[in-house]
């Protein structure tokens, strides 16, 4: 069973996600880990962190943030980052998470959500 869950709905998985990031995506941990903590404590719309789970096992995640580290500060919100386990790639899971992010942004009143498409130096 495949599903996406908000970290706010399952805050007990915060440490698991932090370890996942440190093990699988160590080059982005300094950017991602603070947002994980902010997603749980934030009273605002952003940041939000969503977990991609397969049979209850964490296989990916994405974060929805107000501003990305780009020059277009007039655009919001942003999907940053979006990661999927290397072993799970090629199964259209990225599309699933992007569609989920679009729906969440729509529920928050946004007509669009943005994603950078340039190669990321962390990978």
Protein backbone atom coordinates (compact mmCIF):
# COMPACT_ATOMS: atom_id res chain seq x y z
CA UNK A 1 0.00 0.00 0.00
CA UNK A 2 1.37 3.37 -1.07
CA UNK A 3 0.33 6.62 0.60
CA UNK A 4 1.49 10.15 1.40
CA UNK A 5 1.21 11.47 4.94
CA UNK A 6 1.88 14.89 6.42
CA UNK A 7 4.59 14.93 9.07
CA UNK A 8 2.17 17.02 11.17
CA UNK A 9 -0.18 14.02 11.16
CA UNK A 10 2.57 11.62 12.25
CA UNK A 11 5.13 13.67 14.24
CA UNK A 12 6.43 10.46 15.83
CA UNK A 13 8.18 9.81 12.47
CA UNK A 14 10.29 12.99 12.71
CA UNK A 15 13.41 11.21 14.00
CA UNK A 16 12.99 8.47 11.38
CA UNK A 17 12.83 11.07 8.61
CA UNK A 18 15.88 12.89 9.99
CA UNK A 19 17.87 9.63 9.99
CA UNK A 20 16.62 8.82 6.48
CA UNK A 21 17.87 12.20 5.23
CA UNK A 22 21.24 11.79 6.98
CA UNK A 23 21.74 8.30 5.53
CA UNK A 24 20.25 8.68 2.05
CA UNK A 25 20.72 12.38 1.30
CA UNK A 26 23.59 13.63 3.52
CA UNK A 27 24.51 16.50 1.21
CA UNK A 28 21.14 18.22 1.80
CA UNK A 29 20.75 17.56 5.51
CA UNK A 30 21.77 21.09 6.52
CA UNK A 31 18.96 22.51 4.40
CA UNK A 32 16.30 19.83 4.93
CA UNK A 33 16.61 19.06 8.66
CA UNK A 34 15.70 22.56 9.93
CA UNK A 35 12.61 22.54 7.69
CA UNK A 36 11.56 19.17 9.17
CA UNK A 37 11.51 20.74 12.63
CA UNK A 38 9.76 23.88 11.37
CA UNK A 39 7.05 21.79 9.65
CA UNK A 40 6.00 20.28 12.97
CA UNK A 41 6.10 23.51 14.97
CA UNK A 42 4.78 25.96 12.36
CA UNK A 43 1.38 27.51 12.91
CA UNK A 44 1.52 28.98 9.38
CA UNK A 45 0.82 27.23 6.07
CA UNK A 46 4.51 26.67 5.38
CA UNK A 47 6.76 24.81 5.58
CA UNK A 48 5.05 21.45 5.16
CA UNK A 49 6.76 18.06 4.99
CA UNK A 50 5.11 15.00 3.44
CA UNK A 51 6.28 11.40 3.69
CA UNK A 52 5.89 8.85 0.90
CA UNK A 53 5.24 5.49 2.55
CA UNK A 54 5.04 2.03 1.03
CA UNK A 55 3.55 -0.56 3.38
CA UNK A 56 4.42 1.83 6.21
CA UNK A 57 8.09 2.11 5.16
CA UNK A 58 9.51 5.55 4.31
CA UNK A 59 10.58 5.60 0.64
CA UNK A 60 10.58 9.31 -0.12
CA UNK A 61 9.47 12.75 0.97
CA UNK A 62 8.94 16.27 -0.22
CA UNK A 63 8.67 19.65 1.41
CA UNK A 64 6.42 22.50 0.42
CA UNK A 65 7.97 25.84 1.32
CA UNK A 66 7.02 29.46 0.80
CA UNK A 67 10.24 30.55 -0.93
CA UNK A 68 12.97 28.64 -2.76
CA UNK A 69 16.57 29.77 -2.96
CA UNK A 70 16.10 31.37 -6.38
CA UNK A 71 15.89 34.89 -7.68
CA UNK A 72 12.09 34.81 -8.26
CA UNK A 73 10.86 35.85 -4.82
CA UNK A 74 7.48 36.76 -6.37
CA UNK A 75 6.62 33.07 -6.91
CA UNK A 76 5.20 30.85 -4.16
CA UNK A 77 4.90 28.09 -2.98
CA UNK A 78 7.78 25.81 -3.96
CA UNK A 79 8.33 22.08 -3.81
CA UNK A 80 11.81 21.78 -2.43
CA UNK A 81 13.15 19.19 -2.12
CA UNK A 82 11.52 16.05 -3.49
CA UNK A 83 13.38 12.77 -2.98
CA UNK A 84 12.58 9.15 -3.76
CA UNK A 85 14.57 6.09 -2.73
CA UNK A 86 16.92 5.01 -5.49
CA UNK A 87 15.36 1.52 -5.42
CA UNK A 88 11.87 2.97 -5.97
CA UNK A 89 12.61 5.23 -8.93
CA UNK A 90 11.00 4.60 -12.29
CA UNK A 91 7.58 3.86 -10.78
CA UNK A 92 5.96 7.29 -11.35
CA UNK A 93 6.24 8.11 -7.63
CA UNK A 94 7.60 11.57 -8.39
CA UNK A 95 4.46 12.30 -10.40
CA UNK A 96 2.35 11.06 -7.50
CA UNK A 97 4.09 13.41 -5.08
CA UNK A 98 3.94 16.37 -7.49
CA UNK A 99 0.19 15.88 -7.93
CA UNK A 100 -0.20 15.66 -4.15
CA UNK A 101 1.72 18.93 -3.72
CA UNK A 102 -0.45 20.60 -6.35
CA UNK A 103 -3.60 19.56 -4.48
CA UNK A 104 -2.24 20.71 -1.11
CA UNK A 105 -1.24 24.09 -2.57
CA UNK A 106 -4.71 24.40 -4.12
CA UNK A 107 -6.36 23.71 -0.76
CA UNK A 108 -4.25 26.54 0.67
CA UNK A 109 -5.53 28.91 -2.03
CA UNK A 110 -2.65 28.78 -4.52
CA UNK A 111 -3.34 28.26 -8.21
CA UNK A 112 0.23 27.18 -8.94
CA UNK A 113 3.13 25.45 -7.23
CA UNK A 114 6.72 25.78 -8.42
CA UNK A 115 9.59 23.34 -8.77
CA UNK A 116 13.10 24.18 -9.86
CA UNK A 117 14.19 22.16 -12.87
CA UNK A 118 17.90 22.79 -12.85
CA UNK A 119 20.32 20.09 -11.72
CA UNK A 120 20.78 20.21 -7.98
CA UNK A 121 24.39 20.47 -6.79
CA UNK A 122 23.63 18.27 -3.76
CA UNK A 123 23.04 15.07 -5.75
